[in-house]
PDB file of N, CA and C in Angstrom:
ATOM      1  N   UNK A   1      -8.744  28.142   3.848  1.00  0.00           N
ATOM      2  CA  UNK A   1      -8.485  27.474   2.578  1.00  0.00           C
ATOM      3  C   UNK A   1      -6.991  27.187   2.456  1.00  0.00           C
ATOM      4  N   UNK A   2      -6.680  26.042   1.968  1.00  0.00           N
ATOM      5  CA  UNK A   2      -5.297  25.613   1.836  1.00  0.00           C
ATOM      6  C   UNK A   2      -4.671  26.179   0.566  1.00  0.00           C
ATOM      7  N   UNK A   3      -3.383  26.474   0.649  1.00  0.00           N
ATOM      8  CA  UNK A   3      -2.645  26.855  -0.543  1.00  0.00           C
ATOM      9  C   UNK A   3      -2.113  25.601  -1.221  1.00  0.00           C
ATOM     10  N   UNK A   4      -2.366  24.470  -0.631  1.00  0.00           N
ATOM     11  CA  UNK A   4      -1.956  23.195  -1.193  1.00  0.00           C
ATOM     12  C   UNK A   4      -0.692  22.683  -0.535  1.00  0.00           C
ATOM     13  N   UNK A   5      -0.763  21.467  -0.085  1.00  0.00           N
ATOM     14  CA  UNK A   5       0.413  20.819   0.490  1.00  0.00           C
ATOM     15  C   UNK A   5       0.864  19.734  -0.472  1.00  0.00           C
ATOM     16  N   UNK A   6       2.161  19.441  -0.507  1.00  0.00           N
ATOM     17  CA  UNK A   6       2.637  18.351  -1.354  1.00  0.00           C
ATOM     18  C   UNK A   6       2.056  17.020  -0.868  1.00  0.00           C
ATOM     19  N   UNK A   7       1.534  16.259  -1.795  1.00  0.00           N
ATOM     20  CA  UNK A   7       0.951  14.954  -1.477  1.00  0.00           C
ATOM     21  C   UNK A   7       1.760  13.887  -2.196  1.00  0.00           C
ATOM     22  N   UNK A   8       2.115  12.845  -1.472  1.00  0.00           N
ATOM     23  CA  UNK A   8       2.897  11.738  -2.024  1.00  0.00           C
ATOM     24  C   UNK A   8       2.026  10.492  -2.103  1.00  0.00           C
ATOM     25  N   UNK A   9       2.093   9.810  -3.250  1.00  0.00           N
ATOM     26  CA  UNK A   9       1.387   8.538  -3.400  1.00  0.00           C
ATOM     27  C   UNK A   9       2.336   7.424  -2.977  1.00  0.00           C
ATOM     28  N   UNK A  10       1.873   6.578  -2.076  1.00  0.00           N
ATOM     29  CA  UNK A  10       2.642   5.423  -1.622  1.00  0.00           C
ATOM     30  C   UNK A  10       1.854   4.164  -1.975  1.00  0.00           C
ATOM     31  N   UNK A  11       1.932   3.732  -3.250  1.00  0.00           N
ATOM     32  CA  UNK A  11       1.114   2.599  -3.687  1.00  0.00           C
ATOM     33  C   UNK A  11       1.404   1.302  -2.940  1.00  0.00           C
ATOM     34  N   UNK A  12       2.636   1.122  -2.464  1.00  0.00           N
ATOM     35  CA  UNK A  12       2.970  -0.091  -1.718  1.00  0.00           C
ATOM     36  C   UNK A  12       2.236  -0.157  -0.382  1.00  0.00           C
ATOM     37  N   UNK A  13       1.766   1.003   0.109  1.00  0.00           N
ATOM     38  CA  UNK A  13       1.001   1.058   1.355  1.00  0.00           C
ATOM     39  C   UNK A  13      -0.458   1.431   1.098  1.00  0.00           C
ATOM     40  N   UNK A  14      -0.833   1.546  -0.171  1.00  0.00           N
ATOM     41  CA  UNK A  14      -2.203   1.900  -0.575  1.00  0.00           C
ATOM     42  C   UNK A  14      -2.678   3.167   0.122  1.00  0.00           C
ATOM     43  N   UNK A  15      -1.862   4.220  -0.013  1.00  0.00           N
ATOM     44  CA  UNK A  15      -2.255   5.477   0.617  1.00  0.00           C
ATOM     45  C   UNK A  15      -1.573   6.674  -0.040  1.00  0.00           C
ATOM     46  N   UNK A  16      -2.162   7.827   0.222  1.00  0.00           N
ATOM     47  CA  UNK A  16      -1.606   9.121  -0.148  1.00  0.00           C
ATOM     48  C   UNK A  16      -1.267   9.826   1.160  1.00  0.00           C
ATOM     49  N   UNK A  17      -0.109  10.476   1.219  1.00  0.00           N
ATOM     50  CA  UNK A  17       0.301  11.120   2.464  1.00  0.00           C
ATOM     51  C   UNK A  17       0.710  12.574   2.230  1.00  0.00           C
ATOM     52  N   UNK A  18       0.591  13.357   3.287  1.00  0.00           N
ATOM     53  CA  UNK A  18       1.082  14.732   3.303  1.00  0.00           C
ATOM     54  C   UNK A  18       1.806  14.934   4.630  1.00  0.00           C
ATOM     55  N   UNK A  19       3.031  15.407   4.549  1.00  0.00           N
ATOM     56  CA  UNK A  19       3.820  15.711   5.742  1.00  0.00           C
ATOM     57  C   UNK A  19       3.693  17.205   6.026  1.00  0.00           C
ATOM     58  N   UNK A  20       3.161  17.547   7.179  1.00  0.00           N
ATOM     59  CA  UNK A  20       2.970  18.948   7.551  1.00  0.00           C
ATOM     60  C   UNK A  20       3.422  19.120   9.003  1.00  0.00           C
ATOM     61  N   UNK A  21       4.357  20.027   9.209  1.00  0.00           N
ATOM     62  CA  UNK A  21       4.842  20.336  10.553  1.00  0.00           C
ATOM     63  C   UNK A  21       5.242  19.078  11.329  1.00  0.00           C
ATOM     64  N   UNK A  22       5.916  18.169  10.644  1.00  0.00           N
ATOM     65  CA  UNK A  22       6.399  16.954  11.283  1.00  0.00           C
ATOM     66  C   UNK A  22       5.348  15.898  11.542  1.00  0.00           C
ATOM     67  N   UNK A  23       4.135  16.113  11.050  1.00  0.00           N
ATOM     68  CA  UNK A  23       3.057  15.145  11.247  1.00  0.00           C
ATOM     69  C   UNK A  23       2.582  14.623   9.892  1.00  0.00           C
ATOM     70  N   UNK A  24       1.981  13.441   9.912  1.00  0.00           N
ATOM     71  CA  UNK A  24       1.519  12.815   8.683  1.00  0.00           C
ATOM     72  C   UNK A  24       0.002  12.764   8.642  1.00  0.00           C
ATOM     73  N   UNK A  25      -0.553  13.286   7.557  1.00  0.00           N
ATOM     74  CA  UNK A  25      -1.976  13.137   7.250  1.00  0.00           C
ATOM     75  C   UNK A  25      -2.042  12.146   6.095  1.00  0.00           C
ATOM     76  N   UNK A  26      -3.114  11.351   6.034  1.00  0.00           N
ATOM     77  CA  UNK A  26      -3.154  10.360   4.962  1.00  0.00           C
ATOM     78  C   UNK A  26      -4.572   9.977   4.565  1.00  0.00           C
ATOM     79  N   UNK A  27      -4.665   9.447   3.347  1.00  0.00           N
ATOM     80  CA  UNK A  27      -5.894   8.877   2.806  1.00  0.00           C
ATOM     81  C   UNK A  27      -5.553   7.456   2.389  1.00  0.00           C
ATOM     82  N   UNK A  28      -6.320   6.479   2.869  1.00  0.00           N
ATOM     83  CA  UNK A  28      -6.071   5.087   2.518  1.00  0.00           C
ATOM     84  C   UNK A  28      -7.091   4.617   1.493  1.00  0.00           C
ATOM     85  N   UNK A  29      -6.681   3.612   0.725  1.00  0.00           N
ATOM     86  CA  UNK A  29      -7.574   3.061  -0.294  1.00  0.00           C
ATOM     87  C   UNK A  29      -7.309   1.572  -0.488  1.00  0.00           C
ATOM     88  N   UNK A  30      -8.274   0.923  -1.126  1.00  0.00           N
ATOM     89  CA  UNK A  30      -8.138  -0.477  -1.534  1.00  0.00           C
ATOM     90  C   UNK A  30      -8.451  -0.527  -3.018  1.00  0.00           C
ATOM     91  N   UNK A  31      -7.494  -0.981  -3.802  1.00  0.00           N
ATOM     92  CA  UNK A  31      -7.669  -0.997  -5.250  1.00  0.00           C
ATOM     93  C   UNK A  31      -8.138  -2.358  -5.726  1.00  0.00           C
ATOM     94  N   UNK A  32      -9.174  -2.323  -6.557  1.00  0.00           N
ATOM     95  CA  UNK A  32      -9.639  -3.518  -7.237  1.00  0.00           C
ATOM     96  C   UNK A  32      -9.252  -3.417  -8.701  1.00  0.00           C
ATOM     97  N   UNK A  33      -9.825  -4.272  -9.530  1.00  0.00           N
ATOM     98  CA  UNK A  33      -9.506  -4.263 -10.953  1.00  0.00           C
ATOM     99  C   UNK A  33      -9.969  -2.985 -11.633  1.00  0.00           C
ATOM    100  N   UNK A  34     -11.231  -2.619 -11.416  1.00  0.00           N
ATOM    101  CA  UNK A  34     -11.822  -1.454 -12.081  1.00  0.00           C
ATOM    102  C   UNK A  34     -12.294  -0.382 -11.113  1.00  0.00           C
ATOM    103  N   UNK A  35     -12.047  -0.576  -9.827  1.00  0.00           N
ATOM    104  CA  UNK A  35     -12.573   0.341  -8.814  1.00  0.00           C
ATOM    105  C   UNK A  35     -11.535   0.556  -7.717  1.00  0.00           C
ATOM    106  N   UNK A  36     -11.582   1.727  -7.121  1.00  0.00           N
ATOM    107  CA  UNK A  36     -10.759   1.995  -5.947  1.00  0.00           C
ATOM    108  C   UNK A  36     -11.698   2.445  -4.831  1.00  0.00           C
ATOM    109  N   UNK A  37     -11.610   1.766  -3.695  1.00  0.00           N
ATOM    110  CA  UNK A  37     -12.397   2.136  -2.517  1.00  0.00           C
ATOM    111  C   UNK A  37     -11.529   3.051  -1.662  1.00  0.00           C
ATOM    112  N   UNK A  38     -11.970   4.295  -1.519  1.00  0.00           N
ATOM    113  CA  UNK A  38     -11.256   5.236  -0.656  1.00  0.00           C
ATOM    114  C   UNK A  38     -11.856   5.085   0.734  1.00  0.00           C
ATOM    115  N   UNK A  39     -11.057   4.541   1.657  1.00  0.00           N
ATOM    116  CA  UNK A  39     -11.595   4.037   2.919  1.00  0.00           C
ATOM    117  C   UNK A  39     -11.498   4.990   4.106  1.00  0.00           C
ATOM    118  N   UNK A  40     -10.407   5.724   4.232  1.00  0.00           N
ATOM    119  CA  UNK A  40     -10.232   6.602   5.396  1.00  0.00           C
ATOM    120  C   UNK A  40      -9.405   7.825   5.019  1.00  0.00           C
ATOM    121  N   UNK A  41      -9.741   8.948   5.609  1.00  0.00           N
ATOM    122  CA  UNK A  41      -8.923  10.157   5.518  1.00  0.00           C
ATOM    123  C   UNK A  41      -8.632  10.590   6.949  1.00  0.00           C
ATOM    124  N   UNK A  42      -7.352  10.655   7.284  1.00  0.00           N
ATOM    125  CA  UNK A  42      -6.939  10.980   8.649  1.00  0.00           C
ATOM    126  C   UNK A  42      -6.030  12.210   8.629  1.00  0.00           C
ATOM    127  N   UNK A  43      -6.434  13.230   9.378  1.00  0.00           N
ATOM    128  CA  UNK A  43      -5.622  14.437   9.546  1.00  0.00           C
ATOM    129  C   UNK A  43      -5.475  14.662  11.051  1.00  0.00           C
ATOM    130  N   UNK A  44      -4.235  14.789  11.545  1.00  0.00           N
ATOM    131  CA  UNK A  44      -4.057  15.052  12.974  1.00  0.00           C
ATOM    132  C   UNK A  44      -4.847  16.291  13.409  1.00  0.00           C
ATOM    133  N   UNK A  45      -5.410  16.225  14.583  1.00  0.00           N
ATOM    134  CA  UNK A  45      -6.269  17.298  15.102  1.00  0.00           C
ATOM    135  C   UNK A  45      -5.609  18.678  14.999  1.00  0.00           C
ATOM    136  N   UNK A  46      -4.315  18.738  15.262  1.00  0.00           N
ATOM    137  CA  UNK A  46      -3.610  20.024  15.228  1.00  0.00           C
ATOM    138  C   UNK A  46      -3.572  20.638  13.832  1.00  0.00           C
ATOM    139  N   UNK A  47      -3.801  19.824  12.820  1.00  0.00           N
ATOM    140  CA  UNK A  47      -3.719  20.297  11.431  1.00  0.00           C
ATOM    141  C   UNK A  47      -5.086  20.478  10.779  1.00  0.00           C
ATOM    142  N   UNK A  48      -6.149  20.190  11.507  1.00  0.00           N
ATOM    143  CA  UNK A  48      -7.489  20.285  10.928  1.00  0.00           C
ATOM    144  C   UNK A  48      -7.812  21.721  10.530  1.00  0.00           C
ATOM    145  N   UNK A  49      -8.668  21.858   9.530  1.00  0.00           N
ATOM    146  CA  UNK A  49      -9.134  23.168   9.097  1.00  0.00           C
ATOM    147  C   UNK A  49      -8.211  23.883   8.127  1.00  0.00           C
ATOM    148  N   UNK A  50      -7.208  23.200   7.633  1.00  0.00           N
ATOM    149  CA  UNK A  50      -6.249  23.813   6.712  1.00  0.00           C
ATOM    150  C   UNK A  50      -6.432  23.346   5.274  1.00  0.00           C
ATOM    151  N   UNK A  51      -7.409  22.496   5.024  1.00  0.00           N
ATOM    152  CA  UNK A  51      -7.643  22.002   3.669  1.00  0.00           C
ATOM    153  C   UNK A  51      -6.778  20.817   3.279  1.00  0.00           C
ATOM    154  N   UNK A  52      -6.098  20.232   4.249  1.00  0.00           N
ATOM    155  CA  UNK A  52      -5.193  19.122   3.948  1.00  0.00           C
ATOM    156  C   UNK A  52      -5.967  17.899   3.470  1.00  0.00           C
ATOM    157  N   UNK A  53      -7.083  17.597   4.100  1.00  0.00           N
ATOM    158  CA  UNK A  53      -7.902  16.458   3.659  1.00  0.00           C
ATOM    159  C   UNK A  53      -8.362  16.666   2.219  1.00  0.00           C
ATOM    160  N   UNK A  54      -8.687  17.897   1.871  1.00  0.00           N
ATOM    161  CA  UNK A  54      -9.085  18.206   0.496  1.00  0.00           C
ATOM    162  C   UNK A  54      -7.945  17.992  -0.485  1.00  0.00           C
ATOM    163  N   UNK A  55      -6.732  18.382  -0.099  1.00  0.00           N
ATOM    164  CA  UNK A  55      -5.566  18.164  -0.957  1.00  0.00           C
ATOM    165  C   UNK A  55      -5.326  16.671  -1.172  1.00  0.00           C
ATOM    166  N   UNK A  56      -5.426  15.894  -0.100  1.00  0.00           N
ATOM    167  CA  UNK A  56      -5.261  14.442  -0.213  1.00  0.00           C
ATOM    168  C   UNK A  56      -6.318  13.851  -1.134  1.00  0.00           C
ATOM    169  N   UNK A  57      -7.561  14.258  -0.928  1.00  0.00           N
ATOM    170  CA  UNK A  57      -8.668  13.712  -1.710  1.00  0.00           C
ATOM    171  C   UNK A  57      -8.550  14.109  -3.172  1.00  0.00           C
ATOM    172  N   UNK A  58      -8.258  15.358  -3.435  1.00  0.00           N
ATOM    173  CA  UNK A  58      -8.111  15.831  -4.817  1.00  0.00           C
ATOM    174  C   UNK A  58      -7.050  15.009  -5.547  1.00  0.00           C
ATOM    175  N   UNK A  59      -5.915  14.810  -4.908  1.00  0.00           N
ATOM    176  CA  UNK A  59      -4.826  14.052  -5.522  1.00  0.00           C
ATOM    177  C   UNK A  59      -5.233  12.604  -5.768  1.00  0.00           C
ATOM    178  N   UNK A  60      -5.894  11.986  -4.793  1.00  0.00           N
ATOM    179  CA  UNK A  60      -6.324  10.592  -4.939  1.00  0.00           C
ATOM    180  C   UNK A  60      -7.364  10.448  -6.048  1.00  0.00           C
ATOM    181  N   UNK A  61      -8.291  11.378  -6.124  1.00  0.00           N
ATOM    182  CA  UNK A  61      -9.328  11.329  -7.164  1.00  0.00           C
ATOM    183  C   UNK A  61      -8.697  11.521  -8.544  1.00  0.00           C
ATOM    184  N   UNK A  62      -7.769  12.453  -8.669  1.00  0.00           N
ATOM    185  CA  UNK A  62      -7.090  12.664  -9.953  1.00  0.00           C
ATOM    186  C   UNK A  62      -6.347  11.405 -10.379  1.00  0.00           C
ATOM    187  N   UNK A  63      -5.684  10.753  -9.432  1.00  0.00           N
ATOM    188  CA  UNK A  63      -4.974   9.504  -9.726  1.00  0.00           C
ATOM    189  C   UNK A  63      -5.947   8.429 -10.192  1.00  0.00           C
ATOM    190  N   UNK A  64      -7.053   8.251  -9.458  1.00  0.00           N
ATOM    191  CA  UNK A  64      -8.031   7.213  -9.806  1.00  0.00           C
ATOM    192  C   UNK A  64      -8.598   7.449 -11.201  1.00  0.00           C
ATOM    193  N   UNK A  65      -8.942   8.679 -11.497  1.00  0.00           N
ATOM    194  CA  UNK A  65      -9.502   8.998 -12.823  1.00  0.00           C
ATOM    195  C   UNK A  65      -8.472   8.770 -13.920  1.00  0.00           C
ATOM    196  N   UNK A  66      -7.218   9.116 -13.671  1.00  0.00           N
ATOM    197  CA  UNK A  66      -6.159   8.896 -14.659  1.00  0.00           C
ATOM    198  C   UNK A  66      -5.950   7.407 -14.926  1.00  0.00           C
ATOM    199  N   UNK A  67      -6.232   6.570 -13.913  1.00  0.00           N
ATOM    200  CA  UNK A  67      -6.110   5.120 -14.057  1.00  0.00           C
ATOM    201  C   UNK A  67      -7.368   4.496 -14.657  1.00  0.00           C
ATOM    202  N   UNK A  68      -8.406   5.295 -14.867  1.00  0.00           N
ATOM    203  CA  UNK A  68      -9.667   4.786 -15.403  1.00  0.00           C
ATOM    204  C   UNK A  68     -10.468   3.992 -14.384  1.00  0.00           C
ATOM    205  N   UNK A  69     -10.267   4.281 -13.100  1.00  0.00           N
ATOM    206  CA  UNK A  69     -10.941   3.541 -12.034  1.00  0.00           C
ATOM    207  C   UNK A  69     -12.209   4.254 -11.580  1.00  0.00           C
ATOM    208  N   UNK A  70     -13.227   3.488 -11.253  1.00  0.00           N
ATOM    209  CA  UNK A  70     -14.404   4.036 -10.586  1.00  0.00           C
ATOM    210  C   UNK A  70     -14.034   4.250  -9.126  1.00  0.00           C
ATOM    211  N   UNK A  71     -14.709   5.201  -8.486  1.00  0.00           N
ATOM    212  CA  UNK A  71     -14.408   5.517  -7.089  1.00  0.00           C
ATOM    213  C   UNK A  71     -15.558   5.079  -6.198  1.00  0.00           C
ATOM    214  N   UNK A  72     -15.242   4.253  -5.211  1.00  0.00           N
ATOM    215  CA  UNK A  72     -16.186   3.854  -4.170  1.00  0.00           C
ATOM    216  C   UNK A  72     -15.801   4.652  -2.923  1.00  0.00           C
ATOM    217  N   UNK A  73     -16.554   5.713  -2.667  1.00  0.00           N
ATOM    218  CA  UNK A  73     -16.233   6.622  -1.558  1.00  0.00           C
ATOM    219  C   UNK A  73     -16.777   6.067  -0.248  1.00  0.00           C
ATOM    220  N   UNK A  74     -16.023   5.158   0.370  1.00  0.00           N
ATOM    221  CA  UNK A  74     -16.430   4.588   1.654  1.00  0.00           C
ATOM    222  C   UNK A  74     -16.188   5.565   2.800  1.00  0.00           C
ATOM    223  N   UNK A  75     -15.225   6.450   2.632  1.00  0.00           N
ATOM    224  CA  UNK A  75     -14.917   7.478   3.630  1.00  0.00           C
ATOM    225  C   UNK A  75     -15.925   8.614   3.500  1.00  0.00           C
ATOM    226  N   UNK A  76     -16.506   9.036   4.609  1.00  0.00           N
ATOM    227  CA  UNK A  76     -17.516  10.099   4.566  1.00  0.00           C
ATOM    228  C   UNK A  76     -16.930  11.419   4.069  1.00  0.00           C
ATOM    229  N   UNK A  77     -15.675  11.703   4.374  1.00  0.00           N
ATOM    230  CA  UNK A  77     -15.068  12.940   3.881  1.00  0.00           C
ATOM    231  C   UNK A  77     -14.951  12.901   2.360  1.00  0.00           C
ATOM    232  N   UNK A  78     -14.463  11.795   1.825  1.00  0.00           N
ATOM    233  CA  UNK A  78     -14.318  11.664   0.367  1.00  0.00           C
ATOM    234  C   UNK A  78     -15.681  11.778  -0.301  1.00  0.00           C
ATOM    235  N   UNK A  79     -16.684  11.139   0.265  1.00  0.00           N
ATOM    236  CA  UNK A  79     -18.048  11.198  -0.283  1.00  0.00           C
ATOM    237  C   UNK A  79     -18.534  12.645  -0.337  1.00  0.00           C
ATOM    238  N   UNK A  80     -18.355  13.383   0.738  1.00  0.00           N
ATOM    239  CA  UNK A  80     -18.760  14.787   0.793  1.00  0.00           C
ATOM    240  C   UNK A  80     -17.962  15.623  -0.206  1.00  0.00           C
ATOM    241  N   UNK A  81     -16.670  15.395  -0.292  1.00  0.00           N
ATOM    242  CA  UNK A  81     -15.817  16.141  -1.213  1.00  0.00           C
ATOM    243  C   UNK A  81     -16.264  15.920  -2.653  1.00  0.00           C
ATOM    244  N   UNK A  82     -16.568  14.674  -2.999  1.00  0.00           N
ATOM    245  CA  UNK A  82     -17.012  14.372  -4.363  1.00  0.00           C
ATOM    246  C   UNK A  82     -18.330  15.064  -4.686  1.00  0.00           C
ATOM    247  N   UNK A  83     -19.240  15.113  -3.734  1.00  0.00           N
ATOM    248  CA  UNK A  83     -20.520  15.784  -3.960  1.00  0.00           C
ATOM    249  C   UNK A  83     -20.317  17.269  -4.230  1.00  0.00           C
ATOM    250  N   UNK A  84     -19.337  17.877  -3.597  1.00  0.00           N
ATOM    251  CA  UNK A  84     -19.085  19.311  -3.759  1.00  0.00           C
ATOM    252  C   UNK A  84     -18.206  19.627  -4.964  1.00  0.00           C
ATOM    253  N   UNK A  85     -17.358  18.691  -5.355  1.00  0.00           N
ATOM    254  CA  UNK A  85     -16.332  18.985  -6.360  1.00  0.00           C
ATOM    255  C   UNK A  85     -16.395  18.153  -7.629  1.00  0.00           C
ATOM    256  N   UNK A  86     -17.309  17.221  -7.714  1.00  0.00           N
ATOM    257  CA  UNK A  86     -17.355  16.330  -8.883  1.00  0.00           C
ATOM    258  C   UNK A  86     -17.856  16.994 -10.089  1.00  0.00           C
TER     259      UNK A  86
END
């Protein structure tokens, strides 16, 4: 379980990122008027199993909800996370 990593929103690149041990993990999205499609969650293999994808997803979901956006979970990880945490 992760103690939480700092996650940065980079709206100009339509992604959320986390820098861990010199590597970048990220979640990408495509924003529409009333919906955000969360398309991919990428965590380098060396960093897997630390909860980083969950930290990225949690932050992205909180942002989307604060913006009043519906979430289209195109990424299988995001879809699974929402089923467990929604």
